[in-house]
């Protein structure tokens, strides 16, 4: 069974995923197949949260949130879907497109 681990930087972003307030020191189980971890800001914090989710049983990771000022082409509610994904062992340059 796949366990999805979701990394969320901000409490406000987590509100759409979890029913109760979430703190940085807890793992929130949304369902049998989904767990959420609040990371805080920055890639290092996201990395640590992802590692924690994997230790808690996550077999897939998703970063969830909003990205202010990422691009002038984007607007509130834009969905960014990667064209490519990179892995630790084989880093690929990612591109995005608007859905």
PDB file of N, CA and C in Angstrom:
ATOM      1  N   UNK A   1       0.844  -1.177   0.000  1.00  0.00           N
ATOM      2  CA  UNK A   1       0.000   0.000   0.000  1.00  0.00           C
ATOM      3  C   UNK A   1       0.893   1.245   0.000  1.00  0.00           C
ATOM      4  N   UNK A   2       0.512   2.231  -0.804  1.00  0.00           N
ATOM      5  CA  UNK A   2       1.225   3.502  -0.848  1.00  0.00           C
ATOM      6  C   UNK A   2       0.749   4.401   0.283  1.00  0.00           C
ATOM      7  N   UNK A   3       1.685   4.952   1.017  1.00  0.00           N
ATOM      8  CA  UNK A   3       1.391   5.941   2.057  1.00  0.00           C
ATOM      9  C   UNK A   3       1.915   7.276   1.552  1.00  0.00           C
ATOM     10  N   UNK A   4       1.025   8.233   1.336  1.00  0.00           N
ATOM     11  CA  UNK A   4       1.413   9.548   0.857  1.00  0.00           C
ATOM     12  C   UNK A   4       1.771  10.439   2.034  1.00  0.00           C
ATOM     13  N   UNK A   5       2.993  10.969   2.016  1.00  0.00           N
ATOM     14  CA  UNK A   5       3.438  11.927   3.016  1.00  0.00           C
ATOM     15  C   UNK A   5       3.418  13.312   2.400  1.00  0.00           C
ATOM     16  N   UNK A   6       2.701  14.227   3.000  1.00  0.00           N
ATOM     17  CA  UNK A   6       2.571  15.576   2.465  1.00  0.00           C
ATOM     18  C   UNK A   6       3.347  16.554   3.343  1.00  0.00           C
ATOM     19  N   UNK A   7       4.271  17.284   2.720  1.00  0.00           N
ATOM     20  CA  UNK A   7       5.057  18.314   3.395  1.00  0.00           C
ATOM     21  C   UNK A   7       4.375  19.656   3.145  1.00  0.00           C
ATOM     22  N   UNK A   8       4.083  20.377   4.226  1.00  0.00           N
ATOM     23  CA  UNK A   8       3.417  21.680   4.135  1.00  0.00           C
ATOM     24  C   UNK A   8       4.240  22.685   4.932  1.00  0.00           C
ATOM     25  N   UNK A   9       4.576  23.827   4.323  1.00  0.00           N
ATOM     26  CA  UNK A   9       5.433  24.807   4.995  1.00  0.00           C
ATOM     27  C   UNK A   9       4.696  25.613   6.061  1.00  0.00           C
ATOM     28  N   UNK A  10       3.499  26.067   5.752  1.00  0.00           N
ATOM     29  CA  UNK A  10       2.790  26.995   6.636  1.00  0.00           C
ATOM     30  C   UNK A  10       1.504  26.407   7.208  1.00  0.00           C
ATOM     31  N   UNK A  11       1.186  26.810   8.422  1.00  0.00           N
ATOM     32  CA  UNK A  11      -0.062  26.354   9.059  1.00  0.00           C
ATOM     33  C   UNK A  11      -1.280  26.712   8.215  1.00  0.00           C
ATOM     34  N   UNK A  12      -1.293  27.910   7.639  1.00  0.00           N
ATOM     35  CA  UNK A  12      -2.432  28.336   6.823  1.00  0.00           C
ATOM     36  C   UNK A  12      -2.612  27.423   5.613  1.00  0.00           C
ATOM     37  N   UNK A  13      -1.514  26.936   5.048  1.00  0.00           N
ATOM     38  CA  UNK A  13      -1.603  26.021   3.909  1.00  0.00           C
ATOM     39  C   UNK A  13      -2.120  24.652   4.337  1.00  0.00           C
ATOM     40  N   UNK A  14      -1.811  24.253   5.552  1.00  0.00           N
ATOM     41  CA  UNK A  14      -2.248  22.951   6.059  1.00  0.00           C
ATOM     42  C   UNK A  14      -3.749  22.911   6.341  1.00  0.00           C
ATOM     43  N   UNK A  15      -4.355  24.059   6.551  1.00  0.00           N
ATOM     44  CA  UNK A  15      -5.779  24.104   6.895  1.00  0.00           C
ATOM     45  C   UNK A  15      -6.657  23.438   5.850  1.00  0.00           C
ATOM     46  N   UNK A  16      -6.240  23.436   4.598  1.00  0.00           N
ATOM     47  CA  UNK A  16      -7.019  22.783   3.559  1.00  0.00           C
ATOM     48  C   UNK A  16      -6.879  21.272   3.553  1.00  0.00           C
ATOM     49  N   UNK A  17      -5.932  20.755   4.320  1.00  0.00           N
ATOM     50  CA  UNK A  17      -5.660  19.323   4.331  1.00  0.00           C
ATOM     51  C   UNK A  17      -6.084  18.619   5.612  1.00  0.00           C
ATOM     52  N   UNK A  18      -5.969  19.312   6.726  1.00  0.00           N
ATOM     53  CA  UNK A  18      -6.254  18.688   8.024  1.00  0.00           C
ATOM     54  C   UNK A  18      -7.420  19.389   8.703  1.00  0.00           C
ATOM     55  N   UNK A  19      -8.143  18.648   9.534  1.00  0.00           N
ATOM     56  CA  UNK A  19      -9.336  19.190  10.194  1.00  0.00           C
ATOM     57  C   UNK A  19      -9.021  19.960  11.461  1.00  0.00           C
ATOM     58  N   UNK A  20      -7.860  19.706  12.049  1.00  0.00           N
ATOM     59  CA  UNK A  20      -7.497  20.368  13.302  1.00  0.00           C
ATOM     60  C   UNK A  20      -6.214  21.159  13.115  1.00  0.00           C
ATOM     61  N   UNK A  21      -5.954  22.123  13.977  1.00  0.00           N
ATOM     62  CA  UNK A  21      -4.671  22.844  13.886  1.00  0.00           C
ATOM     63  C   UNK A  21      -3.511  21.861  14.031  1.00  0.00           C
ATOM     64  N   UNK A  22      -2.461  22.099  13.297  1.00  0.00           N
ATOM     65  CA  UNK A  22      -1.305  21.208  13.313  1.00  0.00           C
ATOM     66  C   UNK A  22      -0.089  21.992  13.810  1.00  0.00           C
ATOM     67  N   UNK A  23       0.749  21.330  14.598  1.00  0.00           N
ATOM     68  CA  UNK A  23       1.971  21.975  15.086  1.00  0.00           C
ATOM     69  C   UNK A  23       3.179  21.330  14.412  1.00  0.00           C
ATOM     70  N   UNK A  24       4.302  22.028  14.458  1.00  0.00           N
ATOM     71  CA  UNK A  24       5.506  21.582  13.766  1.00  0.00           C
ATOM     72  C   UNK A  24       6.080  20.281  14.335  1.00  0.00           C
ATOM     73  N   UNK A  25       5.757  19.949  15.563  1.00  0.00           N
ATOM     74  CA  UNK A  25       6.352  18.761  16.181  1.00  0.00           C
ATOM     75  C   UNK A  25       5.484  17.511  16.069  1.00  0.00           C
ATOM     76  N   UNK A  26       4.443  17.545  15.250  1.00  0.00           N
ATOM     77  CA  UNK A  26       3.582  16.372  15.145  1.00  0.00           C
ATOM     78  C   UNK A  26       3.397  15.927  13.698  1.00  0.00           C
ATOM     79  N   UNK A  27       3.022  14.671  13.557  1.00  0.00           N
ATOM     80  CA  UNK A  27       2.617  14.100  12.278  1.00  0.00           C
ATOM     81  C   UNK A  27       1.097  13.979  12.358  1.00  0.00           C
ATOM     82  N   UNK A  28       0.412  14.489  11.360  1.00  0.00           N
ATOM     83  CA  UNK A  28      -1.051  14.424  11.355  1.00  0.00           C
ATOM     84  C   UNK A  28      -1.482  13.352  10.360  1.00  0.00           C
ATOM     85  N   UNK A  29      -2.176  12.341  10.856  1.00  0.00           N
ATOM     86  CA  UNK A  29      -2.692  11.274   9.988  1.00  0.00           C
ATOM     87  C   UNK A  29      -4.059  11.706   9.484  1.00  0.00           C
ATOM     88  N   UNK A  30      -4.136  11.962   8.174  1.00  0.00           N
ATOM     89  CA  UNK A  30      -5.375  12.397   7.542  1.00  0.00           C
ATOM     90  C   UNK A  30      -6.258  11.194   7.233  1.00  0.00           C
ATOM     91  N   UNK A  31      -5.641  10.101   6.813  1.00  0.00           N
ATOM     92  CA  UNK A  31      -6.348   8.853   6.531  1.00  0.00           C
ATOM     93  C   UNK A  31      -5.342   7.717   6.683  1.00  0.00           C
ATOM     94  N   UNK A  32      -5.782   6.517   6.400  1.00  0.00           N
ATOM     95  CA  UNK A  32      -4.884   5.372   6.491  1.00  0.00           C
ATOM     96  C   UNK A  32      -3.728   5.491   5.503  1.00  0.00           C
ATOM     97  N   UNK A  33      -3.974   6.185   4.383  1.00  0.00           N
ATOM     98  CA  UNK A  33      -2.973   6.302   3.329  1.00  0.00           C
ATOM     99  C   UNK A  33      -2.298   7.666   3.249  1.00  0.00           C
ATOM    100  N   UNK A  34      -2.614   8.600   4.141  1.00  0.00           N
ATOM    101  CA  UNK A  34      -2.080   9.962   4.017  1.00  0.00           C
ATOM    102  C   UNK A  34      -1.661  10.518   5.373  1.00  0.00           C
ATOM    103  N   UNK A  35      -0.412  11.043   5.426  1.00  0.00           N
ATOM    104  CA  UNK A  35       0.091  11.714   6.619  1.00  0.00           C
ATOM    105  C   UNK A  35       0.656  13.080   6.217  1.00  0.00           C
ATOM    106  N   UNK A  36       0.555  14.043   7.130  1.00  0.00           N
ATOM    107  CA  UNK A  36       0.963  15.420   6.848  1.00  0.00           C
ATOM    108  C   UNK A  36       1.959  15.878   7.907  1.00  0.00           C
ATOM    109  N   UNK A  37       2.980  16.616   7.454  1.00  0.00           N
ATOM    110  CA  UNK A  37       3.980  17.181   8.370  1.00  0.00           C
ATOM    111  C   UNK A  37       4.191  18.640   8.019  1.00  0.00           C
ATOM    112  N   UNK A  38       4.049  19.506   9.005  1.00  0.00           N
ATOM    113  CA  UNK A  38       4.343  20.926   8.862  1.00  0.00           C
ATOM    114  C   UNK A  38       5.853  21.087   8.921  1.00  0.00           C
ATOM    115  N   UNK A  39       6.428  21.772   7.916  1.00  0.00           N
ATOM    116  CA  UNK A  39       7.886  21.845   7.843  1.00  0.00           C
ATOM    117  C   UNK A  39       8.469  23.177   8.280  1.00  0.00           C
ATOM    118  N   UNK A  40       7.768  24.265   8.035  1.00  0.00           N
ATOM    119  CA  UNK A  40       8.376  25.574   8.162  1.00  0.00           C
ATOM    120  C   UNK A  40       8.944  25.964   6.809  1.00  0.00           C
ATOM    121  N   UNK A  41       9.567  27.139   6.730  1.00  0.00           N
ATOM    122  CA  UNK A  41      10.021  27.671   5.451  1.00  0.00           C
ATOM    123  C   UNK A  41      11.399  27.184   5.034  1.00  0.00           C
ATOM    124  N   UNK A  42      11.586  27.027   3.743  1.00  0.00           N
ATOM    125  CA  UNK A  42      12.889  26.732   3.179  1.00  0.00           C
ATOM    126  C   UNK A  42      13.100  25.284   2.803  1.00  0.00           C
ATOM    127  N   UNK A  43      14.029  25.078   1.869  1.00  0.00           N
ATOM    128  CA  UNK A  43      14.294  23.722   1.386  1.00  0.00           C
ATOM    129  C   UNK A  43      14.874  22.783   2.448  1.00  0.00           C
ATOM    130  N   UNK A  44      15.673  23.313   3.345  1.00  0.00           N
ATOM    131  CA  UNK A  44      16.239  22.449   4.395  1.00  0.00           C
ATOM    132  C   UNK A  44      15.153  21.918   5.317  1.00  0.00           C
ATOM    133  N   UNK A  45      14.220  22.786   5.681  1.00  0.00           N
ATOM    134  CA  UNK A  45      13.123  22.375   6.558  1.00  0.00           C
ATOM    135  C   UNK A  45      12.212  21.372   5.837  1.00  0.00           C
ATOM    136  N   UNK A  46      11.965  21.604   4.545  1.00  0.00           N
ATOM    137  CA  UNK A  46      11.152  20.667   3.758  1.00  0.00           C
ATOM    138  C   UNK A  46      11.844  19.307   3.678  1.00  0.00           C
ATOM    139  N   UNK A  47      13.160  19.327   3.512  1.00  0.00           N
ATOM    140  CA  UNK A  47      13.928  18.083   3.455  1.00  0.00           C
ATOM    141  C   UNK A  47      13.793  17.301   4.764  1.00  0.00           C
ATOM    142  N   UNK A  48      13.952  17.987   5.878  1.00  0.00           N
ATOM    143  CA  UNK A  48      13.822  17.329   7.184  1.00  0.00           C
ATOM    144  C   UNK A  48      12.421  16.760   7.388  1.00  0.00           C
ATOM    145  N   UNK A  49      11.402  17.527   7.002  1.00  0.00           N
ATOM    146  CA  UNK A  49      10.020  17.042   7.144  1.00  0.00           C
ATOM    147  C   UNK A  49       9.793  15.816   6.267  1.00  0.00           C
ATOM    148  N   UNK A  50      10.334  15.832   5.054  1.00  0.00           N
ATOM    149  CA  UNK A  50      10.203  14.679   4.172  1.00  0.00           C
ATOM    150  C   UNK A  50      10.873  13.441   4.749  1.00  0.00           C
ATOM    151  N   UNK A  51      12.057  13.619   5.306  1.00  0.00           N
ATOM    152  CA  UNK A  51      12.748  12.486   5.942  1.00  0.00           C
ATOM    153  C   UNK A  51      11.943  11.935   7.121  1.00  0.00           C
ATOM    154  N   UNK A  52      11.341  12.836   7.894  1.00  0.00           N
ATOM    155  CA  UNK A  52      10.515  12.410   9.026  1.00  0.00           C
ATOM    156  C   UNK A  52       9.312  11.602   8.532  1.00  0.00           C
ATOM    157  N   UNK A  53       8.673  12.070   7.470  1.00  0.00           N
ATOM    158  CA  UNK A  53       7.525  11.351   6.920  1.00  0.00           C
ATOM    159  C   UNK A  53       7.925   9.961   6.419  1.00  0.00           C
ATOM    160  N   UNK A  54       9.084   9.848   5.789  1.00  0.00           N
ATOM    161  CA  UNK A  54       9.553   8.544   5.331  1.00  0.00           C
ATOM    162  C   UNK A  54       9.789   7.626   6.524  1.00  0.00           C
ATOM    163  N   UNK A  55      10.380   8.149   7.596  1.00  0.00           N
ATOM    164  CA  UNK A  55      10.591   7.344   8.812  1.00  0.00           C
ATOM    165  C   UNK A  55       9.267   6.893   9.409  1.00  0.00           C
ATOM    166  N   UNK A  56       8.215   7.685   9.198  1.00  0.00           N
ATOM    167  CA  UNK A  56       6.883   7.358   9.725  1.00  0.00           C
ATOM    168  C   UNK A  56       6.096   6.444   8.786  1.00  0.00           C
ATOM    169  N   UNK A  57       6.716   6.044   7.674  1.00  0.00           N
ATOM    170  CA  UNK A  57       6.077   5.072   6.789  1.00  0.00           C
ATOM    171  C   UNK A  57       5.664   5.581   5.420  1.00  0.00           C
ATOM    172  N   UNK A  58       5.887   6.853   5.128  1.00  0.00           N
ATOM    173  CA  UNK A  58       5.518   7.372   3.812  1.00  0.00           C
ATOM    174  C   UNK A  58       6.345   6.691   2.724  1.00  0.00           C
ATOM    175  N   UNK A  59       5.672   6.291   1.648  1.00  0.00           N
ATOM    176  CA  UNK A  59       6.350   5.681   0.510  1.00  0.00           C
ATOM    177  C   UNK A  59       6.348   6.614  -0.702  1.00  0.00           C
ATOM    178  N   UNK A  60       5.632   7.722  -0.598  1.00  0.00           N
ATOM    179  CA  UNK A  60       5.612   8.759  -1.638  1.00  0.00           C
ATOM    180  C   UNK A  60       5.491  10.104  -0.934  1.00  0.00           C
ATOM    181  N   UNK A  61       6.108  11.143  -1.505  1.00  0.00           N
ATOM    182  CA  UNK A  61       6.072  12.466  -0.896  1.00  0.00           C
ATOM    183  C   UNK A  61       5.469  13.482  -1.859  1.00  0.00           C
ATOM    184  N   UNK A  62       4.765  14.452  -1.280  1.00  0.00           N
ATOM    185  CA  UNK A  62       4.171  15.546  -2.037  1.00  0.00           C
ATOM    186  C   UNK A  62       4.404  16.832  -1.267  1.00  0.00           C
ATOM    187  N   UNK A  63       4.853  17.866  -1.957  1.00  0.00           N
ATOM    188  CA  UNK A  63       4.980  19.184  -1.356  1.00  0.00           C
ATOM    189  C   UNK A  63       3.716  19.956  -1.693  1.00  0.00           C
ATOM    190  N   UNK A  64       3.049  20.502  -0.684  1.00  0.00           N
ATOM    191  CA  UNK A  64       1.774  21.176  -0.866  1.00  0.00           C
ATOM    192  C   UNK A  64       1.872  22.603  -0.351  1.00  0.00           C
ATOM    193  N   UNK A  65       1.382  23.548  -1.121  1.00  0.00           N
ATOM    194  CA  UNK A  65       1.355  24.909  -0.626  1.00  0.00           C
ATOM    195  C   UNK A  65       1.224  25.937  -1.725  1.00  0.00           C
ATOM    196  N   UNK A  66       1.327  27.163  -1.311  1.00  0.00           N
ATOM    197  CA  UNK A  66       1.254  28.262  -2.262  1.00  0.00           C
ATOM    198  C   UNK A  66       2.656  28.812  -2.473  1.00  0.00           C
ATOM    199  N   UNK A  67       2.869  29.413  -3.613  1.00  0.00           N
ATOM    200  CA  UNK A  67       4.191  29.937  -3.936  1.00  0.00           C
ATOM    201  C   UNK A  67       4.038  31.382  -4.399  1.00  0.00           C
ATOM    202  N   UNK A  68       4.119  32.299  -3.498  1.00  0.00           N
ATOM    203  CA  UNK A  68       3.993  33.700  -3.851  1.00  0.00           C
ATOM    204  C   UNK A  68       5.198  34.180  -4.629  1.00  0.00           C
ATOM    205  N   UNK A  69       4.943  34.968  -5.669  1.00  0.00           N
ATOM    206  CA  UNK A  69       5.982  35.592  -6.486  1.00  0.00           C
ATOM    207  C   UNK A  69       6.884  34.584  -7.189  1.00  0.00           C
ATOM    208  N   UNK A  70       6.394  33.401  -7.448  1.00  0.00           N
ATOM    209  CA  UNK A  70       7.185  32.403  -8.156  1.00  0.00           C
ATOM    210  C   UNK A  70       7.405  32.815  -9.611  1.00  0.00           C
ATOM    211  N   UNK A  71       6.371  33.377 -10.212  1.00  0.00           N
ATOM    212  CA  UNK A  71       6.452  33.806 -11.604  1.00  0.00           C
ATOM    213  C   UNK A  71       5.352  34.826 -11.869  1.00  0.00           C
ATOM    214  N   UNK A  72       5.614  35.763 -12.749  1.00  0.00           N
ATOM    215  CA  UNK A  72       4.588  36.753 -13.106  1.00  0.00           C
ATOM    216  C   UNK A  72       3.481  36.119 -13.946  1.00  0.00           C
ATOM    217  N   UNK A  73       3.695  34.916 -14.462  1.00  0.00           N
ATOM    218  CA  UNK A  73       2.684  34.203 -15.235  1.00  0.00           C
ATOM    219  C   UNK A  73       1.624  33.566 -14.336  1.00  0.00           C
ATOM    220  N   UNK A  74       1.898  33.454 -13.060  1.00  0.00           N
ATOM    221  CA  UNK A  74       1.006  32.761 -12.138  1.00  0.00           C
ATOM    222  C   UNK A  74       0.053  33.729 -11.462  1.00  0.00           C
ATOM    223  N   UNK A  75      -1.057  33.200 -10.990  1.00  0.00           N
ATOM    224  CA  UNK A  75      -2.046  33.972 -10.269  1.00  0.00           C
ATOM    225  C   UNK A  75      -2.585  33.107  -9.133  1.00  0.00           C
ATOM    226  N   UNK A  76      -3.263  33.685  -8.146  1.00  0.00           N
ATOM    227  CA  UNK A  76      -3.802  32.876  -7.049  1.00  0.00           C
ATOM    228  C   UNK A  76      -4.662  31.734  -7.580  1.00  0.00           C
ATOM    229  N   UNK A  77      -4.383  30.547  -7.116  1.00  0.00           N
ATOM    230  CA  UNK A  77      -5.125  29.365  -7.533  1.00  0.00           C
ATOM    231  C   UNK A  77      -4.472  28.596  -8.667  1.00  0.00           C
ATOM    232  N   UNK A  78      -3.346  29.097  -9.193  1.00  0.00           N
ATOM    233  CA  UNK A  78      -2.652  28.375 -10.264  1.00  0.00           C
ATOM    234  C   UNK A  78      -2.177  27.022  -9.757  1.00  0.00           C
ATOM    235  N   UNK A  79      -2.282  26.034 -10.593  1.00  0.00           N
ATOM    236  CA  UNK A  79      -1.813  24.697 -10.270  1.00  0.00           C
ATOM    237  C   UNK A  79      -0.560  24.438 -11.088  1.00  0.00           C
ATOM    238  N   UNK A  80       0.515  24.086 -10.430  1.00  0.00           N
ATOM    239  CA  UNK A  80       1.779  23.808 -11.111  1.00  0.00           C
ATOM    240  C   UNK A  80       2.010  22.307 -11.071  1.00  0.00           C
ATOM    241  N   UNK A  81       2.168  21.719 -12.244  1.00  0.00           N
ATOM    242  CA  UNK A  81       2.398  20.279 -12.358  1.00  0.00           C
ATOM    243  C   UNK A  81       3.757  20.083 -13.020  1.00  0.00           C
ATOM    244  N   UNK A  82       4.666  19.343 -12.400  1.00  0.00           N
ATOM    245  CA  UNK A  82       6.000  19.195 -12.984  1.00  0.00           C
ATOM    246  C   UNK A  82       5.971  18.396 -14.278  1.00  0.00           C
ATOM    247  N   UNK A  83       6.805  18.816 -15.201  1.00  0.00           N
ATOM    248  CA  UNK A  83       6.994  18.080 -16.448  1.00  0.00           C
ATOM    249  C   UNK A  83       7.966  16.925 -16.205  1.00  0.00           C
ATOM    250  N   UNK A  84       8.941  17.164 -15.334  1.00  0.00           N
ATOM    251  CA  UNK A  84       9.894  16.133 -14.941  1.00  0.00           C
ATOM    252  C   UNK A  84      10.064  16.171 -13.431  1.00  0.00           C
ATOM    253  N   UNK A  85      10.557  15.100 -12.903  1.00  0.00           N
ATOM    254  CA  UNK A  85      10.803  14.988 -11.468  1.00  0.00           C
ATOM    255  C   UNK A  85      12.257  14.587 -11.304  1.00  0.00           C
ATOM    256  N   UNK A  86      12.922  15.117 -10.284  1.00  0.00           N
ATOM    257  CA  UNK A  86      14.298  14.700 -10.077  1.00  0.00           C
ATOM    258  C   UNK A  86      14.415  13.897  -8.793  1.00  0.00           C
ATOM    259  N   UNK A  87      15.362  12.986  -8.834  1.00  0.00           N
ATOM    260  CA  UNK A  87      15.632  12.109  -7.716  1.00  0.00           C
ATOM    261  C   UNK A  87      17.016  12.422  -7.169  1.00  0.00           C
ATOM    262  N   UNK A  88      17.247  12.055  -5.941  1.00  0.00           N
ATOM    263  CA  UNK A  88      18.532  12.330  -5.302  1.00  0.00           C
ATOM    264  C   UNK A  88      19.698  11.748  -6.102  1.00  0.00           C
ATOM    265  N   UNK A  89      19.515  10.562  -6.650  1.00  0.00           N
ATOM    266  CA  UNK A  89      20.600   9.895  -7.355  1.00  0.00           C
ATOM    267  C   UNK A  89      20.736  10.323  -8.820  1.00  0.00           C
ATOM    268  N   UNK A  90      19.683  10.911  -9.398  1.00  0.00           N
ATOM    269  CA  UNK A  90      19.709  11.282 -10.811  1.00  0.00           C
ATOM    270  C   UNK A  90      18.972  12.601 -10.981  1.00  0.00           C
ATOM    271  N   UNK A  91      19.624  13.683 -10.671  1.00  0.00           N
ATOM    272  CA  UNK A  91      18.994  15.010 -10.664  1.00  0.00           C
ATOM    273  C   UNK A  91      18.670  15.470 -12.088  1.00  0.00           C
ATOM    274  N   UNK A  92      17.411  15.782 -12.337  1.00  0.00           N
ATOM    275  CA  UNK A  92      16.954  16.269 -13.631  1.00  0.00           C
ATOM    276  C   UNK A  92      16.430  17.688 -13.470  1.00  0.00           C
ATOM    277  N   UNK A  93      16.623  18.521 -14.453  1.00  0.00           N
ATOM    278  CA  UNK A  93      16.084  19.863 -14.429  1.00  0.00           C
ATOM    279  C   UNK A  93      14.578  19.798 -14.627  1.00  0.00           C
ATOM    280  N   UNK A  94      13.825  20.390 -13.731  1.00  0.00           N
ATOM    281  CA  UNK A  94      12.362  20.365 -13.814  1.00  0.00           C
ATOM    282  C   UNK A  94      11.837  21.596 -14.512  1.00  0.00           C
ATOM    283  N   UNK A  95      10.777  21.438 -15.244  1.00  0.00           N
ATOM    284  CA  UNK A  95      10.034  22.531 -15.854  1.00  0.00           C
ATOM    285  C   UNK A  95       8.623  22.452 -15.330  1.00  0.00           C
ATOM    286  N   UNK A  96       7.857  23.509 -15.496  1.00  0.00           N
ATOM    287  CA  UNK A  96       6.461  23.483 -15.067  1.00  0.00           C
ATOM    288  C   UNK A  96       5.571  23.999 -16.176  1.00  0.00           C
ATOM    289  N   UNK A  97       4.314  23.664 -16.085  1.00  0.00           N
ATOM    290  CA  UNK A  97       3.326  24.249 -16.980  1.00  0.00           C
ATOM    291  C   UNK A  97       2.078  24.541 -16.171  1.00  0.00           C
ATOM    292  N   UNK A  98       1.272  25.438 -16.656  1.00  0.00           N
ATOM    293  CA  UNK A  98       0.055  25.846 -15.951  1.00  0.00           C
ATOM    294  C   UNK A  98      -1.085  24.938 -16.351  1.00  0.00           C
ATOM    295  N   UNK A  99      -1.841  24.492 -15.375  1.00  0.00           N
ATOM    296  CA  UNK A  99      -3.005  23.643 -15.659  1.00  0.00           C
ATOM    297  C   UNK A  99      -4.268  24.460 -15.549  1.00  0.00           C
TER     298      UNK A  99
END
